[in-house]
PDB file of N, CA and C in Angstrom:
ATOM      1  N   MET A   1      84.534 104.834  56.972  1.00  0.00           N
ATOM      2  CA  MET A   1      83.879 104.035  57.619  1.00  0.00           C
ATOM      3  C   MET A   1      85.417 103.960  58.952  1.00  0.00           C
ATOM      4  N   PRO A   2      84.858 103.724  60.308  1.00  0.00           N
ATOM      5  CA  PRO A   2      85.088 103.014  60.991  1.00  0.00           C
ATOM      6  C   PRO A   2      85.213 102.081  61.120  1.00  0.00           C
ATOM      7  N   LYS A   3      86.275 101.223  61.895  1.00  0.00           N
ATOM      8  CA  LYS A   3      86.783  99.439  61.964  1.00  0.00           C
ATOM      9  C   LYS A   3      87.080  99.814  63.294  1.00  0.00           C
ATOM     10  N   ILE A   4      86.564  97.814  63.528  1.00  0.00           N
ATOM     11  CA  ILE A   4      87.164  97.284  64.875  1.00  0.00           C
ATOM     12  C   ILE A   4      87.660  96.458  64.593  1.00  0.00           C
ATOM     13  N   THR A   5      88.537  96.378  65.503  1.00  0.00           N
ATOM     14  CA  THR A   5      89.316  94.498  65.522  1.00  0.00           C
ATOM     15  C   THR A   5      88.723  93.987  66.447  1.00  0.00           C
ATOM     16  N   PHE A   6      88.096  92.807  66.381  1.00  0.00           N
ATOM     17  CA  PHE A   6      87.462  91.433  67.189  1.00  0.00           C
ATOM     18  C   PHE A   6      88.766  91.321  68.009  1.00  0.00           C
ATOM     19  N   LYS A   7      88.998  90.721  68.609  1.00  0.00           N
ATOM     20  CA  LYS A   7      89.940  90.277  69.025  1.00  0.00           C
ATOM     21  C   LYS A   7      89.321  89.071  70.260  1.00  0.00           C
ATOM     22  N   ASN A   8      89.435  87.419  70.155  1.00  0.00           N
ATOM     23  CA  ASN A   8      89.732  87.138  70.772  1.00  0.00           C
ATOM     24  C   ASN A   8      90.230  86.315  71.352  1.00  0.00           C
ATOM     25  N   PRO A   9      89.520  85.421  73.094  1.00  0.00           N
ATOM     26  CA  PRO A   9      90.468  85.461  74.219  1.00  0.00           C
ATOM     27  C   PRO A   9      91.550  84.317  73.802  1.00  0.00           C
ATOM     28  N   ILE A  10      92.379  83.926  74.060  1.00  0.00           N
ATOM     29  CA  ILE A  10      92.975  83.484  74.073  1.00  0.00           C
ATOM     30  C   ILE A  10      92.898  81.840  74.568  1.00  0.00           C
ATOM     31  N   GLY A  11      92.930  81.135  73.354  1.00  0.00           N
ATOM     32  CA  GLY A  11      92.535  79.367  73.994  1.00  0.00           C
ATOM     33  C   GLY A  11      92.397  78.649  72.588  1.00  0.00           C
ATOM     34  N   PRO A  12      91.756  76.969  72.466  1.00  0.00           N
ATOM     35  CA  PRO A  12      92.281  76.947  71.208  1.00  0.00           C
ATOM     36  C   PRO A  12      91.357  76.721  70.581  1.00  0.00           C
ATOM     37  N   GLN A  13      90.418  77.142  70.550  1.00  0.00           N
ATOM     38  CA  GLN A  13      88.942  77.618  70.138  1.00  0.00           C
ATOM     39  C   GLN A  13      88.611  78.637  69.465  1.00  0.00           C
ATOM     40  N   SER A  14      89.704  79.335  69.696  1.00  0.00           N
ATOM     41  CA  SER A  14      89.438  81.017  68.876  1.00  0.00           C
ATOM     42  C   SER A  14      90.705  81.695  68.298  1.00  0.00           C
ATOM     43  N   PRO A  15      89.672  81.926  66.868  1.00  0.00           N
ATOM     44  CA  PRO A  15      90.870  82.629  65.598  1.00  0.00           C
ATOM     45  C   PRO A  15      91.092  83.732  65.685  1.00  0.00           C
ATOM     46  N   GLY A  16      92.055  84.090  65.469  1.00  0.00           N
ATOM     47  CA  GLY A  16      93.189  85.384  65.433  1.00  0.00           C
ATOM     48  C   GLY A  16      91.960  86.106  65.365  1.00  0.00           C
ATOM     49  N   PRO A  17      93.187  87.691  65.658  1.00  0.00           N
ATOM     50  CA  PRO A  17      91.949  88.916  65.622  1.00  0.00           C
ATOM     51  C   PRO A  17      91.173  89.078  63.969  1.00  0.00           C
ATOM     52  N   LEU A  18      90.037  89.887  64.198  1.00  0.00           N
ATOM     53  CA  LEU A  18      88.783  90.340  62.746  1.00  0.00           C
ATOM     54  C   LEU A  18      89.341  91.816  62.756  1.00  0.00           C
ATOM     55  N   THR A  19      89.602  91.893  61.686  1.00  0.00           N
ATOM     56  CA  THR A  19      89.232  93.657  61.711  1.00  0.00           C
ATOM     57  C   THR A  19      88.322  93.988  60.790  1.00  0.00           C
ATOM     58  N   VAL A  20      87.182  94.334  60.364  1.00  0.00           N
ATOM     59  CA  VAL A  20      86.475  94.547  59.710  1.00  0.00           C
ATOM     60  C   VAL A  20      85.965  96.275  59.504  1.00  0.00           C
ATOM     61  N   GLU A  21      85.503  97.110  58.575  1.00  0.00           N
ATOM     62  CA  GLU A  21      84.939  98.528  58.662  1.00  0.00           C
ATOM     63  C   GLU A  21      83.321  98.031  59.027  1.00  0.00           C
ATOM     64  N   VAL A  22      82.946  99.486  59.294  1.00  0.00           N
ATOM     65  CA  VAL A  22      81.405  99.200  59.661  1.00  0.00           C
ATOM     66  C   VAL A  22      80.807 100.440  60.139  1.00  0.00           C
ATOM     67  N   ARG A  23      79.592 100.777  59.923  1.00  0.00           N
ATOM     68  CA  ARG A  23      78.618 101.508  59.858  1.00  0.00           C
ATOM     69  C   ARG A  23      79.089 102.022  60.996  1.00  0.00           C
ATOM     70  N   LYS A  24      79.163 103.154  61.014  1.00  0.00           N
ATOM     71  CA  LYS A  24      79.033 104.141  62.711  1.00  0.00           C
ATOM     72  C   LYS A  24      76.728 104.256  62.821  1.00  0.00           C
ATOM     73  N   GLY A  25      77.075 103.710  64.211  1.00  0.00           N
ATOM     74  CA  GLY A  25      75.837 104.016  65.037  1.00  0.00           C
ATOM     75  C   GLY A  25      75.332 102.794  65.069  1.00  0.00           C
ATOM     76  N   LEU A  26      76.482 101.290  64.254  1.00  0.00           N
ATOM     77  CA  LEU A  26      75.987 100.240  65.261  1.00  0.00           C
ATOM     78  C   LEU A  26      75.610  99.892  66.163  1.00  0.00           C
ATOM     79  N   THR A  27      75.827  98.684  67.231  1.00  0.00           N
ATOM     80  CA  THR A  27      76.314  98.338  68.239  1.00  0.00           C
ATOM     81  C   THR A  27      77.590  97.208  68.121  1.00  0.00           C
ATOM     82  N   VAL A  28      78.537  97.601  68.892  1.00  0.00           N
ATOM     83  CA  VAL A  28      79.904  96.656  68.999  1.00  0.00           C
ATOM     84  C   VAL A  28      79.749  94.870  68.072  1.00  0.00           C
ATOM     85  N   LEU A  29      77.878  94.706  69.490  1.00  0.00           N
ATOM     86  CA  LEU A  29      77.594  93.077  69.553  1.00  0.00           C
ATOM     87  C   LEU A  29      76.657  93.237  67.752  1.00  0.00           C
ATOM     88  N   GLU A  30      76.411  94.166  66.776  1.00  0.00           N
ATOM     89  CA  GLU A  30      75.779  94.003  65.967  1.00  0.00           C
ATOM     90  C   GLU A  30      76.969  93.698  64.469  1.00  0.00           C
ATOM     91  N   ALA A  31      77.514  94.442  64.940  1.00  0.00           N
ATOM     92  CA  ALA A  31      78.596  94.616  63.807  1.00  0.00           C
ATOM     93  C   ALA A  31      79.491  92.849  64.477  1.00  0.00           C
ATOM     94  N   ALA A  32      79.828  92.519  65.342  1.00  0.00           N
ATOM     95  CA  ALA A  32      80.032  91.348  65.334  1.00  0.00           C
ATOM     96  C   ALA A  32      79.274  90.236  64.557  1.00  0.00           C
ATOM     97  N   GLU A  33      78.331  90.367  64.599  1.00  0.00           N
ATOM     98  CA  GLU A  33      76.874  89.580  64.076  1.00  0.00           C
ATOM     99  C   GLU A  33      77.146  89.254  62.632  1.00  0.00           C
ATOM    100  N   GLU A  34      77.788  91.100  61.823  1.00  0.00           N
ATOM    101  CA  GLU A  34      77.442  90.840  61.180  1.00  0.00           C
ATOM    102  C   GLU A  34      78.283  90.335  59.982  1.00  0.00           C
ATOM    103  N   HIS A  35      79.288  89.820  60.554  1.00  0.00           N
ATOM    104  CA  HIS A  35      81.217  89.783  60.556  1.00  0.00           C
ATOM    105  C   HIS A  35      81.575  88.232  60.901  1.00  0.00           C
ATOM    106  N   GLY A  36      80.551  87.864  61.511  1.00  0.00           N
ATOM    107  CA  GLY A  36      80.776  86.237  62.392  1.00  0.00           C
ATOM    108  C   GLY A  36      81.866  86.275  62.957  1.00  0.00           C
ATOM    109  N   ALA A  37      82.284  88.021  64.090  1.00  0.00           N
ATOM    110  CA  ALA A  37      83.057  87.051  64.951  1.00  0.00           C
ATOM    111  C   ALA A  37      81.920  87.230  66.338  1.00  0.00           C
ATOM    112  N   ARG A  38      82.983  86.041  67.387  1.00  0.00           N
ATOM    113  CA  ARG A  38      82.085  85.148  68.273  1.00  0.00           C
ATOM    114  C   ARG A  38      81.662  86.193  69.352  1.00  0.00           C
ATOM    115  N   VAL A  39      81.498  87.099  69.451  1.00  0.00           N
ATOM    116  CA  VAL A  39      80.324  87.321  70.407  1.00  0.00           C
ATOM    117  C   VAL A  39      78.663  86.546  71.163  1.00  0.00           C
ATOM    118  N   GLY A  40      78.722  86.575  72.221  1.00  0.00           N
ATOM    119  CA  GLY A  40      77.461  86.220  72.889  1.00  0.00           C
ATOM    120  C   GLY A  40      76.269  86.963  73.414  1.00  0.00           C
ATOM    121  N   HIS A  41      74.726  86.073  73.073  1.00  0.00           N
ATOM    122  CA  HIS A  41      74.343  87.676  73.333  1.00  0.00           C
ATOM    123  C   HIS A  41      72.619  86.537  73.662  1.00  0.00           C
ATOM    124  N   ALA A  42      73.156  85.548  74.827  1.00  0.00           N
ATOM    125  CA  ALA A  42      71.705  85.133  75.097  1.00  0.00           C
ATOM    126  C   ALA A  42      70.634  85.821  75.250  1.00  0.00           C
ATOM    127  N   CYS A  43      70.414  86.837  75.801  1.00  0.00           N
ATOM    128  CA  CYS A  43      69.645  87.805  75.381  1.00  0.00           C
ATOM    129  C   CYS A  43      68.557  88.164  74.118  1.00  0.00           C
ATOM    130  N   GLY A  44      69.335  88.522  73.185  1.00  0.00           N
ATOM    131  CA  GLY A  44      69.693  88.699  72.026  1.00  0.00           C
ATOM    132  C   GLY A  44      69.434  90.388  71.563  1.00  0.00           C
ATOM    133  N   GLY A  45      70.524  90.670  72.544  1.00  0.00           N
ATOM    134  CA  GLY A  45      70.403  92.157  72.988  1.00  0.00           C
ATOM    135  C   GLY A  45      69.842  93.521  73.424  1.00  0.00           C
ATOM    136  N   ASN A  46      69.222  92.789  73.932  1.00  0.00           N
ATOM    137  CA  ASN A  46      67.917  93.137  74.239  1.00  0.00           C
ATOM    138  C   ASN A  46      68.783  93.888  76.407  1.00  0.00           C
ATOM    139  N   LEU A  47      69.796  93.448  76.504  1.00  0.00           N
ATOM    140  CA  LEU A  47      70.350  94.355  77.619  1.00  0.00           C
ATOM    141  C   LEU A  47      69.611  93.819  79.155  1.00  0.00           C
ATOM    142  N   ALA A  48      69.638  92.516  79.206  1.00  0.00           N
ATOM    143  CA  ALA A  48      68.379  91.457  79.389  1.00  0.00           C
ATOM    144  C   ALA A  48      70.064  90.519  80.327  1.00  0.00           C
ATOM    145  N   CYS A  49      70.955  90.327  79.742  1.00  0.00           N
ATOM    146  CA  CYS A  49      72.305  89.435  80.404  1.00  0.00           C
ATOM    147  C   CYS A  49      73.430  90.523  80.272  1.00  0.00           C
ATOM    148  N   SER A  50      74.404  89.499  80.139  1.00  0.00           N
ATOM    149  CA  SER A  50      76.448  89.556  80.424  1.00  0.00           C
ATOM    150  C   SER A  50      76.801  89.748  79.459  1.00  0.00           C
ATOM    151  N   THR A  51      75.939  88.672  78.473  1.00  0.00           N
ATOM    152  CA  THR A  51      76.557  87.281  77.895  1.00  0.00           C
ATOM    153  C   THR A  51      77.845  88.051  76.441  1.00  0.00           C
ATOM    154  N   CYS A  52      77.428  89.582  76.297  1.00  0.00           N
ATOM    155  CA  CYS A  52      77.657  90.043  75.473  1.00  0.00           C
ATOM    156  C   CYS A  52      79.005  91.241  76.031  1.00  0.00           C
ATOM    157  N   HIS A  53      79.947  90.800  77.285  1.00  0.00           N
ATOM    158  CA  HIS A  53      80.866  91.580  77.839  1.00  0.00           C
ATOM    159  C   HIS A  53      82.445  91.791  77.179  1.00  0.00           C
ATOM    160  N   VAL A  54      82.069  93.210  76.324  1.00  0.00           N
ATOM    161  CA  VAL A  54      83.746  92.932  75.806  1.00  0.00           C
ATOM    162  C   VAL A  54      84.664  93.417  76.514  1.00  0.00           C
ATOM    163  N   TYR A  55      85.617  93.804  77.052  1.00  0.00           N
ATOM    164  CA  TYR A  55      86.793  94.596  76.722  1.00  0.00           C
ATOM    165  C   TYR A  55      87.034  95.611  75.144  1.00  0.00           C
ATOM    166  N   VAL A  56      87.053  96.835  75.494  1.00  0.00           N
ATOM    167  CA  VAL A  56      87.252  98.254  74.569  1.00  0.00           C
ATOM    168  C   VAL A  56      88.510  98.572  75.099  1.00  0.00           C
ATOM    169  N   GLU A  57      89.408  98.041  74.442  1.00  0.00           N
ATOM    170  CA  GLU A  57      91.017  98.519  74.272  1.00  0.00           C
ATOM    171  C   GLU A  57      91.778  99.347  73.894  1.00  0.00           C
ATOM    172  N   GLN A  58      90.578 100.178  72.856  1.00  0.00           N
ATOM    173  CA  GLN A  58      90.587 101.545  72.335  1.00  0.00           C
ATOM    174  C   GLN A  58      89.409 101.737  70.901  1.00  0.00           C
ATOM    175  N   GLY A  59      89.353 103.406  72.136  1.00  0.00           N
ATOM    176  CA  GLY A  59      88.550 104.041  71.703  1.00  0.00           C
ATOM    177  C   GLY A  59      87.133 104.181  72.674  1.00  0.00           C
ATOM    178  N   PHE A  60      87.454 103.634  73.397  1.00  0.00           N
ATOM    179  CA  PHE A  60      86.618 103.764  74.101  1.00  0.00           C
ATOM    180  C   PHE A  60      85.972 105.120  75.142  1.00  0.00           C
ATOM    181  N   ASP A  61      87.141 106.089  74.705  1.00  0.00           N
ATOM    182  CA  ASP A  61      86.260 107.305  75.061  1.00  0.00           C
ATOM    183  C   ASP A  61      85.391 107.906  73.834  1.00  0.00           C
ATOM    184  N   SER A  62      85.357 107.101  72.688  1.00  0.00           N
ATOM    185  CA  SER A  62      84.351 107.469  71.653  1.00  0.00           C
ATOM    186  C   SER A  62      83.281 106.542  71.924  1.00  0.00           C
ATOM    187  N   LEU A  63      82.546 106.782  72.907  1.00  0.00           N
ATOM    188  CA  LEU A  63      81.883 105.467  72.843  1.00  0.00           C
ATOM    189  C   LEU A  63      80.649 106.447  73.815  1.00  0.00           C
ATOM    190  N   ASP A  64      79.528 105.994  73.882  1.00  0.00           N
ATOM    191  CA  ASP A  64      78.367 106.692  74.412  1.00  0.00           C
ATOM    192  C   ASP A  64      78.014 106.256  75.983  1.00  0.00           C
ATOM    193  N   GLU A  65      77.697 107.266  77.034  1.00  0.00           N
ATOM    194  CA  GLU A  65      78.562 107.170  78.288  1.00  0.00           C
ATOM    195  C   GLU A  65      77.571 105.566  78.701  1.00  0.00           C
ATOM    196  N   ILE A  66      78.512 104.747  79.820  1.00  0.00           N
ATOM    197  CA  ILE A  66      76.983 103.817  80.038  1.00  0.00           C
ATOM    198  C   ILE A  66      76.194 103.880  80.924  1.00  0.00           C
ATOM    199  N   SER A  67      75.359 103.625  80.795  1.00  0.00           N
ATOM    200  CA  SER A  67      74.030 104.200  81.238  1.00  0.00           C
ATOM    201  C   SER A  67      73.809 102.967  82.532  1.00  0.00           C
ATOM    202  N   ASP A  68      72.500 103.852  83.411  1.00  0.00           N
ATOM    203  CA  ASP A  68      72.769 102.767  84.717  1.00  0.00           C
ATOM    204  C   ASP A  68      72.566 101.343  84.672  1.00  0.00           C
ATOM    205  N   LYS A  69      70.882 101.109  83.867  1.00  0.00           N
ATOM    206  CA  LYS A  69      71.240 100.052  83.311  1.00  0.00           C
ATOM    207  C   LYS A  69      72.148  99.337  83.190  1.00  0.00           C
ATOM    208  N   GLU A  70      72.589  99.648  82.267  1.00  0.00           N
ATOM    209  CA  GLU A  70      74.089  98.960  81.424  1.00  0.00           C
ATOM    210  C   GLU A  70      75.103  98.019  82.955  1.00  0.00           C
ATOM    211  N   ASN A  71      74.906  99.685  83.715  1.00  0.00           N
ATOM    212  CA  ASN A  71      75.713  98.894  84.811  1.00  0.00           C
ATOM    213  C   ASN A  71      75.583  98.026  85.963  1.00  0.00           C
ATOM    214  N   ASP A  72      73.889  98.119  85.864  1.00  0.00           N
ATOM    215  CA  ASP A  72      73.661  96.854  86.790  1.00  0.00           C
ATOM    216  C   ASP A  72      74.063  95.863  86.441  1.00  0.00           C
ATOM    217  N   ILE A  73      73.219  95.742  84.527  1.00  0.00           N
ATOM    218  CA  ILE A  73      73.972  93.897  84.400  1.00  0.00           C
ATOM    219  C   ILE A  73      75.072  94.119  83.987  1.00  0.00           C
ATOM    220  N   MET A  74      76.000  94.959  84.451  1.00  0.00           N
ATOM    221  CA  MET A  74      76.929  94.599  84.254  1.00  0.00           C
ATOM    222  C   MET A  74      77.581  94.176  85.794  1.00  0.00           C
ATOM    223  N   ASP A  75      77.382  93.832  86.577  1.00  0.00           N
ATOM    224  CA  ASP A  75      76.934  93.434  87.496  1.00  0.00           C
ATOM    225  C   ASP A  75      77.059  91.598  88.124  1.00  0.00           C
ATOM    226  N   ARG A  76      76.137  91.507  86.545  1.00  0.00           N
ATOM    227  CA  ARG A  76      76.560  90.266  86.913  1.00  0.00           C
ATOM    228  C   ARG A  76      77.354  89.537  85.540  1.00  0.00           C
ATOM    229  N   ALA A  77      77.944  90.134  84.866  1.00  0.00           N
ATOM    230  CA  ALA A  77      79.505  89.656  84.739  1.00  0.00           C
ATOM    231  C   ALA A  77      80.385  89.392  85.156  1.00  0.00           C
ATOM    232  N   PHE A  78      81.380  88.563  84.644  1.00  0.00           N
ATOM    233  CA  PHE A  78      82.253  87.923  84.876  1.00  0.00           C
ATOM    234  C   PHE A  78      83.411  88.478  84.741  1.00  0.00           C
ATOM    235  N   ASP A  79      84.996  89.190  85.677  1.00  0.00           N
ATOM    236  CA  ASP A  79      86.122  89.697  86.043  1.00  0.00           C
ATOM    237  C   ASP A  79      86.126  91.349  84.746  1.00  0.00           C
ATOM    238  N   VAL A  80      84.990  92.237  85.548  1.00  0.00           N
ATOM    239  CA  VAL A  80      84.521  93.582  84.777  1.00  0.00           C
ATOM    240  C   VAL A  80      85.810  94.359  85.327  1.00  0.00           C
ATOM    241  N   ARG A  81      86.433  94.599  84.285  1.00  0.00           N
ATOM    242  CA  ARG A  81      87.451  95.966  84.326  1.00  0.00           C
ATOM    243  C   ARG A  81      87.170  97.248  83.958  1.00  0.00           C
ATOM    244  N   PRO A  82      87.530  97.912  84.135  1.00  0.00           N
ATOM    245  CA  PRO A  82      87.113  99.659  83.779  1.00  0.00           C
ATOM    246  C   PRO A  82      87.102  99.906  82.139  1.00  0.00           C
ATOM    247  N   GLU A  83      87.519  99.286  81.720  1.00  0.00           N
ATOM    248  CA  GLU A  83      87.251  99.462  79.750  1.00  0.00           C
ATOM    249  C   GLU A  83      86.501  98.012  79.215  1.00  0.00           C
ATOM    250  N   SER A  84      85.853  97.491  80.537  1.00  0.00           N
ATOM    251  CA  SER A  84      84.095  96.309  80.036  1.00  0.00           C
ATOM    252  C   SER A  84      82.962  97.292  79.778  1.00  0.00           C
ATOM    253  N   ARG A  85      82.784  96.690  78.656  1.00  0.00           N
ATOM    254  CA  ARG A  85      80.653  97.485  78.583  1.00  0.00           C
ATOM    255  C   ARG A  85      80.391  96.323  77.681  1.00  0.00           C
ATOM    256  N   LEU A  86      79.176  96.780  77.326  1.00  0.00           N
ATOM    257  CA  LEU A  86      78.813  95.019  76.994  1.00  0.00           C
ATOM    258  C   LEU A  86      78.368  95.596  75.349  1.00  0.00           C
ATOM    259  N   GLY A  87      78.618  94.521  74.157  1.00  0.00           N
ATOM    260  CA  GLY A  87      78.018  94.468  73.248  1.00  0.00           C
ATOM    261  C   GLY A  87      77.005  95.244  72.426  1.00  0.00           C
ATOM    262  N   CYS A  88      76.207  94.990  73.632  1.00  0.00           N
ATOM    263  CA  CYS A  88      75.255  95.389  72.569  1.00  0.00           C
ATOM    264  C   CYS A  88      74.454  96.683  72.818  1.00  0.00           C
ATOM    265  N   GLN A  89      75.752  97.591  73.675  1.00  0.00           N
ATOM    266  CA  GLN A  89      75.281  99.083  74.252  1.00  0.00           C
ATOM    267  C   GLN A  89      75.897 100.006  73.751  1.00  0.00           C
ATOM    268  N   CYS A  90      76.760  99.881  73.284  1.00  0.00           N
ATOM    269  CA  CYS A  90      78.032 100.507  73.197  1.00  0.00           C
ATOM    270  C   CYS A  90      77.907 100.404  71.749  1.00  0.00           C
ATOM    271  N   LYS A  91      78.085 101.878  70.418  1.00  0.00           N
ATOM    272  CA  LYS A  91      77.301 102.287  69.575  1.00  0.00           C
ATOM    273  C   LYS A  91      78.817 102.748  69.047  1.00  0.00           C
ATOM    274  N   VAL A  92      79.604 102.066  67.252  1.00  0.00           N
ATOM    275  CA  VAL A  92      80.531 102.883  66.371  1.00  0.00           C
ATOM    276  C   VAL A  92      80.127 104.260  66.674  1.00  0.00           C
ATOM    277  N   GLY A  93      80.941 104.739  67.201  1.00  0.00           N
ATOM    278  CA  GLY A  93      81.463 106.721  66.663  1.00  0.00           C
ATOM    279  C   GLY A  93      81.606 106.805  65.658  1.00  0.00           C
ATOM    280  N   ASP A  94      83.101 107.825  65.748  1.00  0.00           N
ATOM    281  CA  ASP A  94      84.090 108.416  64.203  1.00  0.00           C
ATOM    282  C   ASP A  94      84.836 107.332  64.461  1.00  0.00           C
ATOM    283  N   GLN A  95      85.707 107.125  65.882  1.00  0.00           N
ATOM    284  CA  GLN A  95      86.706 105.962  65.683  1.00  0.00           C
ATOM    285  C   GLN A  95      86.812 104.875  65.504  1.00  0.00           C
ATOM    286  N   ASP A  96      87.883 104.068  65.897  1.00  0.00           N
ATOM    287  CA  ASP A  96      87.969 102.911  65.724  1.00  0.00           C
ATOM    288  C   ASP A  96      88.129 102.352  66.691  1.00  0.00           C
ATOM    289  N   LEU A  97      87.908 101.033  66.703  1.00  0.00           N
ATOM    290  CA  LEU A  97      87.087 100.493  68.014  1.00  0.00           C
ATOM    291  C   LEU A  97      88.561  99.567  67.926  1.00  0.00           C
ATOM    292  N   VAL A  98      89.403  99.074  69.039  1.00  0.00           N
ATOM    293  CA  VAL A  98      89.399  97.168  69.299  1.00  0.00           C
ATOM    294  C   VAL A  98      89.181  96.386  70.397  1.00  0.00           C
ATOM    295  N   VAL A  99      88.358  96.073  70.424  1.00  0.00           N
ATOM    296  CA  VAL A  99      87.554  94.472  71.399  1.00  0.00           C
ATOM    297  C   VAL A  99      87.767  93.603  71.879  1.00  0.00           C
ATOM    298  N   GLU A 100      88.220  93.088  72.823  1.00  0.00           N
ATOM    299  CA  GLU A 100      88.458  91.874  73.002  1.00  0.00           C
ATOM    300  C   GLU A 100      87.445  90.922  73.580  1.00  0.00           C
ATOM    301  N   ILE A 101      87.543  90.308  72.722  1.00  0.00           N
ATOM    302  CA  ILE A 101      85.731  88.887  73.768  1.00  0.00           C
ATOM    303  C   ILE A 101      86.478  88.578  74.435  1.00  0.00           C
ATOM    304  N   THR A 102      85.266  88.893  75.709  1.00  0.00           N
ATOM    305  CA  THR A 102      85.540  87.800  77.302  1.00  0.00           C
ATOM    306  C   THR A 102      85.535  86.312  77.029  1.00  0.00           C
ATOM    307  N   GLN A 103      85.999  85.095  77.404  1.00  0.00           N
ATOM    308  CA  GLN A 103      85.620  83.982  77.164  1.00  0.00           C
ATOM    309  C   GLN A 103      84.619  83.588  77.673  1.00  0.00           C
ATOM    310  N   GLU A 104      83.454  84.403  78.232  1.00  0.00           N
ATOM    311  CA  GLU A 104      82.790  84.392  79.288  1.00  0.00           C
ATOM    312  C   GLU A 104      81.892  84.104  77.670  1.00  0.00           C
ATOM    313  N   SER A 105      81.846  85.778  76.752  1.00  0.00           N
ATOM    314  CA  SER A 105      81.180  85.904  75.790  1.00  0.00           C
ATOM    315  C   SER A 105      81.592  84.802  74.531  1.00  0.00           C
ATOM    316  N   LEU A 106      83.067  84.261  74.020  1.00  0.00           N
ATOM    317  CA  LEU A 106      83.326  83.802  73.394  1.00  0.00           C
ATOM    318  C   LEU A 106      82.038  81.976  73.839  1.00  0.00           C
ATOM    319  N   GLN A 107      81.990  81.835  75.638  1.00  0.00           N
ATOM    320  CA  GLN A 107      81.355  80.935  75.631  1.00  0.00           C
ATOM    321  C   GLN A 107      79.835  80.616  75.133  1.00  0.00           C
ATOM    322  N   ALA A 108      79.398  82.051  75.794  1.00  0.00           N
ATOM    323  CA  ALA A 108      78.389  81.808  75.461  1.00  0.00           C
ATOM    324  C   ALA A 108      77.921  81.796  74.262  1.00  0.00           C
ATOM    325  N   TRP A 109      78.693  82.114  72.850  1.00  0.00           N
ATOM    326  CA  TRP A 109      78.877  81.976  71.710  1.00  0.00           C
ATOM    327  C   TRP A 109      78.752  80.824  71.396  1.00  0.00           C
ATOM    328  N   LEU A 110      79.518  80.182  71.807  1.00  0.00           N
ATOM    329  CA  LEU A 110      79.472  78.386  71.710  1.00  0.00           C
ATOM    330  C   LEU A 110      78.373  77.456  72.307  1.00  0.00           C
ATOM    331  N   ASP A 111      78.179  78.052  72.971  1.00  0.00           N
ATOM    332  CA  ASP A 111      76.403  77.680  73.406  1.00  0.00           C
ATOM    333  C   ASP A 111      75.204  78.170  72.872  1.00  0.00           C
ATOM    334  N   GLU A 112      75.836  78.413  72.290  1.00  0.00           N
ATOM    335  CA  GLU A 112      74.562  79.175  70.743  1.00  0.00           C
ATOM    336  C   GLU A 112      74.271  79.061  69.746  1.00  0.00           C
ATOM    337  N   ASN A 113      76.067  78.407  69.681  1.00  0.00           N
ATOM    338  CA  ASN A 113      75.727  77.858  68.223  1.00  0.00           C
ATOM    339  C   ASN A 113      76.258  76.490  68.845  1.00  0.00           C
ATOM    340  N   PRO A 114      76.133  75.465  68.600  1.00  0.00           N
ATOM    341  CA  PRO A 114      76.004  73.851  69.062  1.00  0.00           C
ATOM    342  C   PRO A 114      76.988  73.612  67.647  1.00  0.00           C
ATOM    343  N   ASP A 115      76.582  73.534  66.310  1.00  0.00           N
ATOM    344  CA  ASP A 115      77.212  73.257  65.706  1.00  0.00           C
ATOM    345  C   ASP A 115      78.332  72.982  65.898  1.00  0.00           C
ATOM    346  N   GLU A 116      79.252  75.239  65.591  1.00  0.00           N
ATOM    347  CA  GLU A 116      80.155  75.039  65.303  1.00  0.00           C
ATOM    348  C   GLU A 116      81.347  74.851  66.610  1.00  0.00           C
ATOM    349  N   ARG A 117      80.937  74.753  67.727  1.00  0.00           N
ATOM    350  CA  ARG A 117      80.866  73.492  68.814  1.00  0.00           C
ATOM    351  C   ARG A 117      81.819  72.148  68.692  1.00  0.00           C
ATOM    352  N   LYS A 118      81.037  71.702  67.874  1.00  0.00           N
ATOM    353  CA  LYS A 118      81.191  70.252  67.262  1.00  0.00           C
ATOM    354  C   LYS A 118      82.716  70.588  66.661  1.00  0.00           C
ATOM    355  N   LYS A 119      82.148  71.740  65.723  1.00  0.00           N
ATOM    356  CA  LYS A 119      83.531  71.672  64.431  1.00  0.00           C
ATOM    357  C   LYS A 119      84.860  72.132  65.347  1.00  0.00           C
ATOM    358  N   LEU A 120      84.733  73.012  66.148  1.00  0.00           N
ATOM    359  CA  LEU A 120      85.955  72.865  66.803  1.00  0.00           C
ATOM    360  C   LEU A 120      86.515  72.023  67.753  1.00  0.00           C
ATOM    361  N   ALA A 121      85.645  70.808  68.505  1.00  0.00           N
ATOM    362  CA  ALA A 121      85.987  70.437  68.901  1.00  0.00           C
ATOM    363  C   ALA A 121      86.691  69.577  68.066  1.00  0.00           C
ATOM    364  N   ALA A 122      85.939  68.681  67.151  1.00  0.00           N
ATOM    365  CA  ALA A 122      86.834  67.710  65.728  1.00  0.00           C
ATOM    366  C   ALA A 122      88.030  68.567  65.640  1.00  0.00           C
ATOM    367  N   GLN A 123      88.711  69.934  65.439  1.00  0.00           N
ATOM    368  CA  GLN A 123      89.590  70.622  64.728  1.00  0.00           C
ATOM    369  C   GLN A 123      90.560  70.369  65.534  1.00  0.00           C
ATOM    370  N   ARG A 124      90.679  70.344  66.917  1.00  0.00           N
ATOM    371  CA  ARG A 124      91.147  70.328  68.220  1.00  0.00           C
ATOM    372  C   ARG A 124      91.353  68.828  68.735  1.00  0.00           C
ATOM    373  N   ALA A 125      90.953  67.974  68.197  1.00  0.00           N
ATOM    374  CA  ALA A 125      90.688  66.221  68.319  1.00  0.00           C
ATOM    375  C   ALA A 125      91.799  65.830  67.242  1.00  0.00           C
ATOM    376  N   ALA A 126      92.441  66.810  65.609  1.00  0.00           N
ATOM    377  CA  ALA A 126      92.390  66.460  64.846  1.00  0.00           C
ATOM    378  C   ALA A 126      93.741  66.735  64.974  1.00  0.00           C
ATOM    379  N   ASN A 127      94.029  68.035  66.003  1.00  0.00           N
ATOM    380  CA  ASN A 127      95.199  68.574  65.840  1.00  0.00           C
ATOM    381  C   ASN A 127      96.329  68.835  67.390  1.00  0.00           C
ATOM    382  N   GLY A 128      95.572  67.052  67.567  1.00  0.00           N
ATOM    383  CA  GLY A 128      96.093  66.410  68.588  1.00  0.00           C
ATOM    384  C   GLY A 128      96.479  67.205  70.258  1.00  0.00           C
TER     385      GLY A 128
END
């Protein structure tokens, strides 16, 4: 089974990297949801927003080619790079992937999970 390593953006609310085995054919977003990686998805993974924007640092060439629709939606994302993809659109193939969760996506996840946001705020307050 291929593996995905989810790397989180630098910041106080970010845990360390998470490496998990995933089934071939899952989207990066589906894999993130199954394993608790903090990838936002305001539209529910329906290619209607850019909140699942990730940077594919390893394994990019193993992904399907980006579609015109994904490219159009990517225009809404912040800090788009050559290795940018929408997690709801890129499917896991045979190769391992390393993806960095963008700050935009992490923020969207926190907005979608207010209880987790409160826990993280409490942890930051306790740690000074």
